[in-house]
Amino acid sequence: MSILIDKNTRVVTQGITGKTGQFHTRMCKEYANGANCFVAGVNPKKPGESFEGIPIFASVKEAKRQTGVNA
């Protein structure tokens, strides 16, 4: 299975404040154009905060509404 990401892909990380979410978000951001793709994170206990410049929302629905995430 392939995952195709291009310049129009807008990624959300669920659980971005956890150890694994932070690790994988950092790794993906460092690869190629990944830094431009990550536009939102989700943690229901930390909405309004941010992780390395990525805003955190309470739900994927809210993140999608405000940032247009599509992956």
N, C-alpha and C. Protein backbone atom coordinates (compact mmCIF):
# COMPACT_ATOMS: atom_id res chain seq x y z
N MET A 1 0.84 -1.18 0.00
CA MET A 1 0.00 0.00 0.00
C MET A 1 0.89 1.24 0.00
N SER A 2 0.58 2.17 -0.85
CA SER A 2 1.33 3.41 -0.92
C SER A 2 0.51 4.56 -0.35
N ILE A 3 1.21 5.47 0.25
CA ILE A 3 0.57 6.69 0.72
C ILE A 3 1.17 7.82 -0.09
N LEU A 4 0.35 8.50 -0.84
CA LEU A 4 0.84 9.57 -1.70
C LEU A 4 0.59 10.92 -1.06
N ILE A 5 1.66 11.65 -0.89
CA ILE A 5 1.59 12.98 -0.30
C ILE A 5 2.21 13.96 -1.28
N ASP A 6 1.55 15.07 -1.50
CA ASP A 6 2.11 16.09 -2.37
C ASP A 6 2.01 17.45 -1.69
N LYS A 7 2.30 18.50 -2.42
CA LYS A 7 2.32 19.84 -1.84
C LYS A 7 0.96 20.31 -1.33
N ASN A 8 -0.12 19.62 -1.72
CA ASN A 8 -1.46 19.99 -1.28
C ASN A 8 -1.94 19.20 -0.07
N THR A 9 -1.14 18.25 0.40
CA THR A 9 -1.53 17.41 1.53
C THR A 9 -1.41 18.20 2.83
N ARG A 10 -2.44 18.09 3.66
CA ARG A 10 -2.46 18.78 4.95
C ARG A 10 -2.73 17.72 6.02
N VAL A 11 -1.70 17.44 6.83
CA VAL A 11 -1.71 16.31 7.76
C VAL A 11 -2.06 16.74 9.18
N VAL A 12 -2.85 15.90 9.86
CA VAL A 12 -3.15 16.07 11.28
C VAL A 12 -2.54 14.88 12.02
N THR A 13 -1.94 15.14 13.18
CA THR A 13 -1.42 14.07 14.04
C THR A 13 -2.34 13.92 15.23
N GLN A 14 -2.95 12.74 15.37
CA GLN A 14 -3.77 12.47 16.54
C GLN A 14 -2.85 12.03 17.67
N GLY A 15 -3.01 12.61 18.84
CA GLY A 15 -2.14 12.29 19.97
C GLY A 15 -0.78 12.95 19.85
N ILE A 16 -0.74 14.14 19.30
CA ILE A 16 0.51 14.83 19.00
C ILE A 16 1.33 15.15 20.25
N THR A 17 0.72 15.24 21.41
CA THR A 17 1.48 15.59 22.61
C THR A 17 2.07 14.37 23.31
N GLY A 18 1.72 13.18 22.87
CA GLY A 18 2.29 11.97 23.45
C GLY A 18 3.68 11.69 22.89
N LYS A 19 4.40 10.82 23.56
CA LYS A 19 5.77 10.49 23.16
C LYS A 19 5.85 9.99 21.71
N THR A 20 4.99 9.07 21.35
CA THR A 20 5.01 8.51 20.00
C THR A 20 4.56 9.53 18.96
N GLY A 21 3.51 10.29 19.27
CA GLY A 21 3.03 11.32 18.35
C GLY A 21 4.09 12.38 18.09
N GLN A 22 4.78 12.80 19.14
CA GLN A 22 5.86 13.78 18.98
C GLN A 22 6.98 13.22 18.12
N PHE A 23 7.39 11.99 18.40
CA PHE A 23 8.49 11.37 17.66
C PHE A 23 8.17 11.30 16.17
N HIS A 24 7.01 10.74 15.83
CA HIS A 24 6.68 10.55 14.42
C HIS A 24 6.42 11.88 13.70
N THR A 25 5.84 12.84 14.39
CA THR A 25 5.64 14.15 13.77
C THR A 25 6.98 14.79 13.45
N ARG A 26 7.91 14.74 14.39
CA ARG A 26 9.25 15.30 14.15
C ARG A 26 9.94 14.60 12.98
N MET A 27 9.91 13.27 12.97
CA MET A 27 10.58 12.52 11.90
C MET A 27 9.98 12.85 10.53
N CYS A 28 8.67 12.91 10.46
CA CYS A 28 8.02 13.21 9.18
C CYS A 28 8.28 14.64 8.73
N LYS A 29 8.31 15.58 9.68
CA LYS A 29 8.57 16.97 9.33
C LYS A 29 9.97 17.15 8.76
N GLU A 30 10.92 16.34 9.22
CA GLU A 30 12.30 16.45 8.76
C GLU A 30 12.52 15.83 7.39
N TYR A 31 11.59 15.01 6.94
CA TYR A 31 11.75 14.31 5.67
C TYR A 31 11.16 15.14 4.53
N ALA A 32 11.98 15.42 3.53
CA ALA A 32 11.56 16.13 2.31
C ALA A 32 10.77 17.39 2.64
N ASN A 33 9.54 17.47 2.16
CA ASN A 33 8.69 18.66 2.37
C ASN A 33 7.71 18.47 3.51
N GLY A 34 8.00 17.56 4.41
CA GLY A 34 7.09 17.25 5.51
C GLY A 34 6.75 18.42 6.39
N ALA A 35 7.69 19.34 6.56
CA ALA A 35 7.44 20.49 7.43
C ALA A 35 6.25 21.31 6.96
N ASN A 36 6.02 21.34 5.67
CA ASN A 36 4.91 22.12 5.13
C ASN A 36 3.58 21.39 5.19
N CYS A 37 3.62 20.08 5.39
CA CYS A 37 2.39 19.27 5.36
C CYS A 37 1.65 19.23 6.69
N PHE A 38 2.37 19.31 7.80
CA PHE A 38 1.73 19.16 9.11
C PHE A 38 1.10 20.48 9.54
N VAL A 39 -0.22 20.49 9.64
CA VAL A 39 -0.94 21.72 9.94
C VAL A 39 -1.74 21.69 11.23
N ALA A 40 -1.88 20.50 11.86
CA ALA A 40 -2.69 20.41 13.07
C ALA A 40 -2.35 19.16 13.87
N GLY A 41 -2.62 19.26 15.17
CA GLY A 41 -2.50 18.13 16.06
C GLY A 41 -3.78 18.03 16.87
N VAL A 42 -4.03 16.85 17.44
CA VAL A 42 -5.25 16.65 18.22
C VAL A 42 -4.91 16.06 19.58
N ASN A 43 -5.45 16.68 20.61
CA ASN A 43 -5.42 16.16 21.97
C ASN A 43 -6.60 16.81 22.68
N PRO A 44 -7.61 16.03 23.07
CA PRO A 44 -8.81 16.62 23.67
C PRO A 44 -8.57 17.35 24.98
N LYS A 45 -7.42 17.11 25.61
CA LYS A 45 -7.11 17.77 26.88
C LYS A 45 -6.25 19.01 26.72
N LYS A 46 -5.76 19.30 25.50
CA LYS A 46 -4.85 20.42 25.32
C LYS A 46 -5.20 21.33 24.14
N PRO A 47 -6.48 21.57 23.87
CA PRO A 47 -6.80 22.46 22.75
C PRO A 47 -6.31 23.88 23.04
N GLY A 48 -5.89 24.56 21.99
CA GLY A 48 -5.40 25.93 22.15
C GLY A 48 -3.90 26.01 22.35
N GLU A 49 -3.27 24.89 22.68
CA GLU A 49 -1.82 24.87 22.82
C GLU A 49 -1.21 24.58 21.45
N SER A 50 0.11 24.49 21.39
CA SER A 50 0.77 24.13 20.14
C SER A 50 1.97 23.25 20.42
N PHE A 51 2.40 22.52 19.41
CA PHE A 51 3.58 21.67 19.48
C PHE A 51 4.49 22.06 18.33
N GLU A 52 5.61 22.68 18.65
CA GLU A 52 6.58 23.11 17.64
C GLU A 52 5.90 23.90 16.51
N GLY A 53 5.02 24.80 16.89
CA GLY A 53 4.35 25.65 15.92
C GLY A 53 3.10 25.06 15.29
N ILE A 54 2.76 23.83 15.64
CA ILE A 54 1.57 23.17 15.09
C ILE A 54 0.43 23.34 16.10
N PRO A 55 -0.67 23.98 15.71
CA PRO A 55 -1.77 24.18 16.66
C PRO A 55 -2.44 22.87 17.05
N ILE A 56 -2.89 22.80 18.30
CA ILE A 56 -3.54 21.60 18.82
C ILE A 56 -5.03 21.89 18.99
N PHE A 57 -5.85 20.94 18.53
CA PHE A 57 -7.30 21.06 18.60
C PHE A 57 -7.87 19.92 19.45
N ALA A 58 -9.10 20.08 19.89
CA ALA A 58 -9.75 19.08 20.73
C ALA A 58 -10.24 17.88 19.93
N SER A 59 -10.49 18.06 18.64
CA SER A 59 -11.01 16.96 17.82
C SER A 59 -10.52 17.11 16.38
N VAL A 60 -10.56 16.00 15.64
CA VAL A 60 -10.20 16.03 14.23
C VAL A 60 -11.19 16.90 13.46
N LYS A 61 -12.46 16.82 13.84
CA LYS A 61 -13.49 17.63 13.18
C LYS A 61 -13.16 19.11 13.28
N GLU A 62 -12.79 19.55 14.47
CA GLU A 62 -12.43 20.96 14.67
C GLU A 62 -11.16 21.31 13.89
N ALA A 63 -10.17 20.43 13.92
CA ALA A 63 -8.92 20.67 13.19
C ALA A 63 -9.19 20.79 11.69
N LYS A 64 -10.04 19.92 11.18
CA LYS A 64 -10.37 19.96 9.75
C LYS A 64 -11.10 21.24 9.39
N ARG A 65 -12.04 21.64 10.24
CA ARG A 65 -12.81 22.85 9.97
C ARG A 65 -11.90 24.08 9.94
N GLN A 66 -10.91 24.13 10.82
CA GLN A 66 -10.09 25.34 10.92
C GLN A 66 -8.84 25.32 10.04
N THR A 67 -8.35 24.13 9.67
CA THR A 67 -7.11 24.08 8.90
C THR A 67 -7.24 23.39 7.55
N GLY A 68 -8.35 22.71 7.32
CA GLY A 68 -8.54 22.02 6.05
C GLY A 68 -7.73 20.74 5.90
N VAL A 69 -7.42 20.08 7.01
CA VAL A 69 -6.64 18.84 6.93
C VAL A 69 -7.33 17.84 6.01
N ASN A 70 -6.54 17.07 5.29
CA ASN A 70 -7.09 16.05 4.39
C ASN A 70 -6.34 14.72 4.50
N ALA A 71 -5.47 14.61 5.48
CA ALA A 71 -4.74 13.34 5.69
C ALA A 71 -4.41 13.18 7.16
